[in-house]
């Protein structure tokens, strides 16, 4: 469970339909925001050095 900002209501992470990432800053990534659907196959593609591994292995 987590508490969302000003809301006093708990949010059950298992009930959300997406993994939400906001303002990610890691290695060469600057202010990246993603909504990744749960229960789906998701593929990260891009050129070398674009931050795929930083998102997949270091963040998620």
PDB file of N, CA and C in Angstrom:
ATOM      1  N   UNK A   1       0.838  -1.186   0.000  1.00  0.00           N
ATOM      2  CA  UNK A   1       0.000   0.000   0.000  1.00  0.00           C
ATOM      3  C   UNK A   1       0.878   1.243   0.000  1.00  0.00           C
ATOM      4  N   UNK A   2       0.381   2.285  -0.640  1.00  0.00           N
ATOM      5  CA  UNK A   2       1.070   3.566  -0.553  1.00  0.00           C
ATOM      6  C   UNK A   2       0.027   4.647  -0.363  1.00  0.00           C
ATOM      7  N   UNK A   3       0.476   5.795   0.088  1.00  0.00           N
ATOM      8  CA  UNK A   3      -0.418   6.926   0.273  1.00  0.00           C
ATOM      9  C   UNK A   3      -0.071   7.952  -0.792  1.00  0.00           C
ATOM     10  N   UNK A   4      -1.084   8.441  -1.480  1.00  0.00           N
ATOM     11  CA  UNK A   4      -0.889   9.312  -2.612  1.00  0.00           C
ATOM     12  C   UNK A   4      -1.084  10.770  -2.222  1.00  0.00           C
ATOM     13  N   UNK A   5       0.030  11.485  -2.105  1.00  0.00           N
ATOM     14  CA  UNK A   5       0.017  12.926  -1.893  1.00  0.00           C
ATOM     15  C   UNK A   5      -0.936  13.403  -0.824  1.00  0.00           C
ATOM     16  N   UNK A   6      -1.863  14.282  -1.214  1.00  0.00           N
ATOM     17  CA  UNK A   6      -2.786  14.894  -0.284  1.00  0.00           C
ATOM     18  C   UNK A   6      -3.943  13.985   0.082  1.00  0.00           C
ATOM     19  N   UNK A   7      -4.148  12.948  -0.695  1.00  0.00           N
ATOM     20  CA  UNK A   7      -5.235  12.011  -0.394  1.00  0.00           C
ATOM     21  C   UNK A   7      -4.919  11.277   0.900  1.00  0.00           C
ATOM     22  N   UNK A   8      -5.898  11.102   1.745  1.00  0.00           N
ATOM     23  CA  UNK A   8      -5.685  10.354   2.976  1.00  0.00           C
ATOM     24  C   UNK A   8      -6.038   8.886   2.789  1.00  0.00           C
ATOM     25  N   UNK A   9      -6.459   8.534   1.598  1.00  0.00           N
ATOM     26  CA  UNK A   9      -6.901   7.177   1.291  1.00  0.00           C
ATOM     27  C   UNK A   9      -5.731   6.341   0.778  1.00  0.00           C
ATOM     28  N   UNK A  10      -5.610   5.118   1.263  1.00  0.00           N
ATOM     29  CA  UNK A  10      -4.542   4.215   0.821  1.00  0.00           C
ATOM     30  C   UNK A  10      -4.870   3.687  -0.570  1.00  0.00           C
ATOM     31  N   UNK A  11      -3.834   3.526  -1.391  1.00  0.00           N
ATOM     32  CA  UNK A  11      -3.988   2.976  -2.730  1.00  0.00           C
ATOM     33  C   UNK A  11      -3.330   1.613  -2.754  1.00  0.00           C
ATOM     34  N   UNK A  12      -4.071   0.580  -3.101  1.00  0.00           N
ATOM     35  CA  UNK A  12      -3.537  -0.767  -3.204  1.00  0.00           C
ATOM     36  C   UNK A  12      -2.833  -0.896  -4.548  1.00  0.00           C
ATOM     37  N   UNK A  13      -1.508  -1.089  -4.530  1.00  0.00           N
ATOM     38  CA  UNK A  13      -0.709  -1.132  -5.753  1.00  0.00           C
ATOM     39  C   UNK A  13      -1.150  -2.263  -6.677  1.00  0.00           C
ATOM     40  N   UNK A  14      -1.723  -3.334  -6.144  1.00  0.00           N
ATOM     41  CA  UNK A  14      -2.167  -4.449  -6.976  1.00  0.00           C
ATOM     42  C   UNK A  14      -3.429  -4.121  -7.758  1.00  0.00           C
ATOM     43  N   UNK A  15      -4.160  -3.092  -7.357  1.00  0.00           N
ATOM     44  CA  UNK A  15      -5.389  -2.709  -8.041  1.00  0.00           C
ATOM     45  C   UNK A  15      -5.126  -1.771  -9.224  1.00  0.00           C
ATOM     46  N   UNK A  16      -3.941  -1.177  -9.293  1.00  0.00           N
ATOM     47  CA  UNK A  16      -3.628  -0.274 -10.392  1.00  0.00           C
ATOM     48  C   UNK A  16      -3.390  -1.066 -11.673  1.00  0.00           C
ATOM     49  N   UNK A  17      -3.738  -0.479 -12.809  1.00  0.00           N
ATOM     50  CA  UNK A  17      -3.588  -1.143 -14.094  1.00  0.00           C
ATOM     51  C   UNK A  17      -2.236  -0.866 -14.748  1.00  0.00           C
ATOM     52  N   UNK A  18      -1.478   0.076 -14.193  1.00  0.00           N
ATOM     53  CA  UNK A  18      -0.192   0.458 -14.778  1.00  0.00           C
ATOM     54  C   UNK A  18       0.867   0.597 -13.695  1.00  0.00           C
ATOM     55  N   UNK A  19       2.113   0.404 -14.091  1.00  0.00           N
ATOM     56  CA  UNK A  19       3.250   0.811 -13.267  1.00  0.00           C
ATOM     57  C   UNK A  19       3.530   2.246 -13.689  1.00  0.00           C
ATOM     58  N   UNK A  20       3.471   3.169 -12.760  1.00  0.00           N
ATOM     59  CA  UNK A  20       3.608   4.586 -13.080  1.00  0.00           C
ATOM     60  C   UNK A  20       4.977   5.076 -12.630  1.00  0.00           C
ATOM     61  N   UNK A  21       5.704   5.678 -13.556  1.00  0.00           N
ATOM     62  CA  UNK A  21       7.014   6.268 -13.269  1.00  0.00           C
ATOM     63  C   UNK A  21       6.928   7.732 -13.695  1.00  0.00           C
ATOM     64  N   UNK A  22       7.281   8.626 -12.812  1.00  0.00           N
ATOM     65  CA  UNK A  22       7.219  10.052 -13.109  1.00  0.00           C
ATOM     66  C   UNK A  22       8.552  10.712 -12.782  1.00  0.00           C
ATOM     67  N   UNK A  23       9.053  11.519 -13.699  1.00  0.00           N
ATOM     68  CA  UNK A  23      10.250  12.326 -13.458  1.00  0.00           C
ATOM     69  C   UNK A  23      11.520  11.527 -13.244  1.00  0.00           C
ATOM     70  N   UNK A  24      11.648  10.389 -13.920  1.00  0.00           N
ATOM     71  CA  UNK A  24      12.824   9.526 -13.763  1.00  0.00           C
ATOM     72  C   UNK A  24      14.086  10.257 -14.215  1.00  0.00           C
ATOM     73  N   UNK A  25      15.085  10.264 -13.347  1.00  0.00           N
ATOM     74  CA  UNK A  25      16.394  10.848 -13.663  1.00  0.00           C
ATOM     75  C   UNK A  25      17.449   9.849 -13.222  1.00  0.00           C
ATOM     76  N   UNK A  26      18.028   9.173 -14.186  1.00  0.00           N
ATOM     77  CA  UNK A  26      19.033   8.169 -13.872  1.00  0.00           C
ATOM     78  C   UNK A  26      19.963   8.040 -15.067  1.00  0.00           C
ATOM     79  N   UNK A  27      21.261   7.996 -14.810  1.00  0.00           N
ATOM     80  CA  UNK A  27      22.272   7.934 -15.866  1.00  0.00           C
ATOM     81  C   UNK A  27      21.992   9.013 -16.914  1.00  0.00           C
ATOM     82  N   UNK A  28      21.697   8.639 -18.149  1.00  0.00           N
ATOM     83  CA  UNK A  28      21.460   9.651 -19.183  1.00  0.00           C
ATOM     84  C   UNK A  28      19.982   9.997 -19.361  1.00  0.00           C
ATOM     85  N   UNK A  29      19.110   9.504 -18.481  1.00  0.00           N
ATOM     86  CA  UNK A  29      17.684   9.806 -18.562  1.00  0.00           C
ATOM     87  C   UNK A  29      17.382  11.060 -17.751  1.00  0.00           C
ATOM     88  N   UNK A  30      16.615  11.950 -18.342  1.00  0.00           N
ATOM     89  CA  UNK A  30      16.291  13.202 -17.663  1.00  0.00           C
ATOM     90  C   UNK A  30      14.793  13.455 -17.744  1.00  0.00           C
ATOM     91  N   UNK A  31      14.125  13.400 -16.583  1.00  0.00           N
ATOM     92  CA  UNK A  31      12.712  13.724 -16.463  1.00  0.00           C
ATOM     93  C   UNK A  31      11.828  12.882 -17.384  1.00  0.00           C
ATOM     94  N   UNK A  32      11.971  11.554 -17.321  1.00  0.00           N
ATOM     95  CA  UNK A  32      11.197  10.627 -18.132  1.00  0.00           C
ATOM     96  C   UNK A  32       9.982  10.162 -17.333  1.00  0.00           C
ATOM     97  N   UNK A  33       8.823  10.158 -17.966  1.00  0.00           N
ATOM     98  CA  UNK A  33       7.590   9.680 -17.333  1.00  0.00           C
ATOM     99  C   UNK A  33       6.994   8.566 -18.180  1.00  0.00           C
ATOM    100  N   UNK A  34       6.583   7.479 -17.523  1.00  0.00           N
ATOM    101  CA  UNK A  34       6.033   6.320 -18.222  1.00  0.00           C
ATOM    102  C   UNK A  34       4.824   5.766 -17.482  1.00  0.00           C
ATOM    103  N   UNK A  35       3.889   5.214 -18.227  1.00  0.00           N
ATOM    104  CA  UNK A  35       2.807   4.386 -17.695  1.00  0.00           C
ATOM    105  C   UNK A  35       2.951   3.039 -18.384  1.00  0.00           C
ATOM    106  N   UNK A  36       3.363   2.012 -17.633  1.00  0.00           N
ATOM    107  CA  UNK A  36       3.614   0.693 -18.201  1.00  0.00           C
ATOM    108  C   UNK A  36       2.457  -0.217 -17.805  1.00  0.00           C
ATOM    109  N   UNK A  37       1.717  -0.755 -18.782  1.00  0.00           N
ATOM    110  CA  UNK A  37       0.557  -1.586 -18.446  1.00  0.00           C
ATOM    111  C   UNK A  37       0.959  -2.897 -17.771  1.00  0.00           C
ATOM    112  N   UNK A  38       0.200  -3.291 -16.754  1.00  0.00           N
ATOM    113  CA  UNK A  38       0.410  -4.583 -16.097  1.00  0.00           C
ATOM    114  C   UNK A  38      -0.320  -5.653 -16.895  1.00  0.00           C
ATOM    115  N   UNK A  39       0.178  -6.880 -16.841  1.00  0.00           N
ATOM    116  CA  UNK A  39      -0.479  -7.998 -17.500  1.00  0.00           C
ATOM    117  C   UNK A  39      -0.307  -8.006 -19.006  1.00  0.00           C
ATOM    118  N   UNK A  40       0.613  -7.229 -19.521  1.00  0.00           N
ATOM    119  CA  UNK A  40       0.891  -7.153 -20.954  1.00  0.00           C
ATOM    120  C   UNK A  40       2.380  -7.391 -21.182  1.00  0.00           C
ATOM    121  N   UNK A  41       2.736  -7.816 -22.371  1.00  0.00           N
ATOM    122  CA  UNK A  41       4.147  -7.907 -22.736  1.00  0.00           C
ATOM    123  C   UNK A  41       4.578  -6.521 -23.204  1.00  0.00           C
ATOM    124  N   UNK A  42       5.608  -5.984 -22.573  1.00  0.00           N
ATOM    125  CA  UNK A  42       6.106  -4.649 -22.899  1.00  0.00           C
ATOM    126  C   UNK A  42       7.542  -4.784 -23.364  1.00  0.00           C
ATOM    127  N   UNK A  43       7.870  -4.134 -24.477  1.00  0.00           N
ATOM    128  CA  UNK A  43       9.205  -4.195 -25.060  1.00  0.00           C
ATOM    129  C   UNK A  43       9.798  -2.794 -25.074  1.00  0.00           C
ATOM    130  N   UNK A  44      11.034  -2.664 -24.604  1.00  0.00           N
ATOM    131  CA  UNK A  44      11.748  -1.401 -24.653  1.00  0.00           C
ATOM    132  C   UNK A  44      12.765  -1.479 -25.779  1.00  0.00           C
ATOM    133  N   UNK A  45      12.654  -0.581 -26.743  1.00  0.00           N
ATOM    134  CA  UNK A  45      13.591  -0.561 -27.865  1.00  0.00           C
ATOM    135  C   UNK A  45      14.203   0.827 -27.986  1.00  0.00           C
ATOM    136  N   UNK A  46      15.332   0.891 -28.647  1.00  0.00           N
ATOM    137  CA  UNK A  46      15.990   2.173 -28.880  1.00  0.00           C
ATOM    138  C   UNK A  46      17.445   1.964 -29.227  1.00  0.00           C
ATOM    139  N   UNK A  47      18.080   3.044 -29.625  1.00  0.00           N
ATOM    140  CA  UNK A  47      19.492   2.977 -30.008  1.00  0.00           C
ATOM    141  C   UNK A  47      20.363   2.759 -28.776  1.00  0.00           C
ATOM    142  N   UNK A  48      21.580   2.360 -29.007  1.00  0.00           N
ATOM    143  CA  UNK A  48      22.543   2.149 -27.941  1.00  0.00           C
ATOM    144  C   UNK A  48      22.724   3.433 -27.131  1.00  0.00           C
ATOM    145  N   UNK A  49      22.678   3.288 -25.815  1.00  0.00           N
ATOM    146  CA  UNK A  49      22.887   4.441 -24.944  1.00  0.00           C
ATOM    147  C   UNK A  49      21.640   5.263 -24.686  1.00  0.00           C
ATOM    148  N   UNK A  50      20.482   4.766 -25.097  1.00  0.00           N
ATOM    149  CA  UNK A  50      19.254   5.559 -24.937  1.00  0.00           C
ATOM    150  C   UNK A  50      18.594   5.395 -23.568  1.00  0.00           C
ATOM    151  N   UNK A  51      19.084   4.478 -22.727  1.00  0.00           N
ATOM    152  CA  UNK A  51      18.557   4.342 -21.373  1.00  0.00           C
ATOM    153  C   UNK A  51      17.644   3.154 -21.142  1.00  0.00           C
ATOM    154  N   UNK A  52      17.580   2.238 -22.095  1.00  0.00           N
ATOM    155  CA  UNK A  52      16.716   1.057 -21.950  1.00  0.00           C
ATOM    156  C   UNK A  52      17.069   0.258 -20.705  1.00  0.00           C
ATOM    157  N   UNK A  53      18.327  -0.063 -20.540  1.00  0.00           N
ATOM    158  CA  UNK A  53      18.767  -0.869 -19.382  1.00  0.00           C
ATOM    159  C   UNK A  53      18.566  -0.117 -18.078  1.00  0.00           C
ATOM    160  N   UNK A  54      18.739   1.189 -18.083  1.00  0.00           N
ATOM    161  CA  UNK A  54      18.523   1.977 -16.867  1.00  0.00           C
ATOM    162  C   UNK A  54      17.081   1.868 -16.409  1.00  0.00           C
ATOM    163  N   UNK A  55      16.139   1.902 -17.345  1.00  0.00           N
ATOM    164  CA  UNK A  55      14.731   1.785 -16.988  1.00  0.00           C
ATOM    165  C   UNK A  55      14.405   0.369 -16.537  1.00  0.00           C
ATOM    166  N   UNK A  56      14.772  -0.610 -17.347  1.00  0.00           N
ATOM    167  CA  UNK A  56      14.358  -1.993 -17.110  1.00  0.00           C
ATOM    168  C   UNK A  56      15.047  -2.616 -15.905  1.00  0.00           C
ATOM    169  N   UNK A  57      16.359  -2.481 -15.777  1.00  0.00           N
ATOM    170  CA  UNK A  57      17.092  -3.179 -14.723  1.00  0.00           C
ATOM    171  C   UNK A  57      17.306  -2.344 -13.467  1.00  0.00           C
ATOM    172  N   UNK A  58      17.476  -1.040 -13.594  1.00  0.00           N
ATOM    173  CA  UNK A  58      17.785  -0.214 -12.425  1.00  0.00           C
ATOM    174  C   UNK A  58      16.543   0.394 -11.783  1.00  0.00           C
ATOM    175  N   UNK A  59      15.503   0.645 -12.559  1.00  0.00           N
ATOM    176  CA  UNK A  59      14.333   1.328 -12.023  1.00  0.00           C
ATOM    177  C   UNK A  59      13.191   0.371 -11.722  1.00  0.00           C
ATOM    178  N   UNK A  60      12.813  -0.453 -12.685  1.00  0.00           N
ATOM    179  CA  UNK A  60      11.699  -1.379 -12.487  1.00  0.00           C
ATOM    180  C   UNK A  60      12.223  -2.584 -11.767  1.00  0.00           C
TER     181      UNK A  60
END
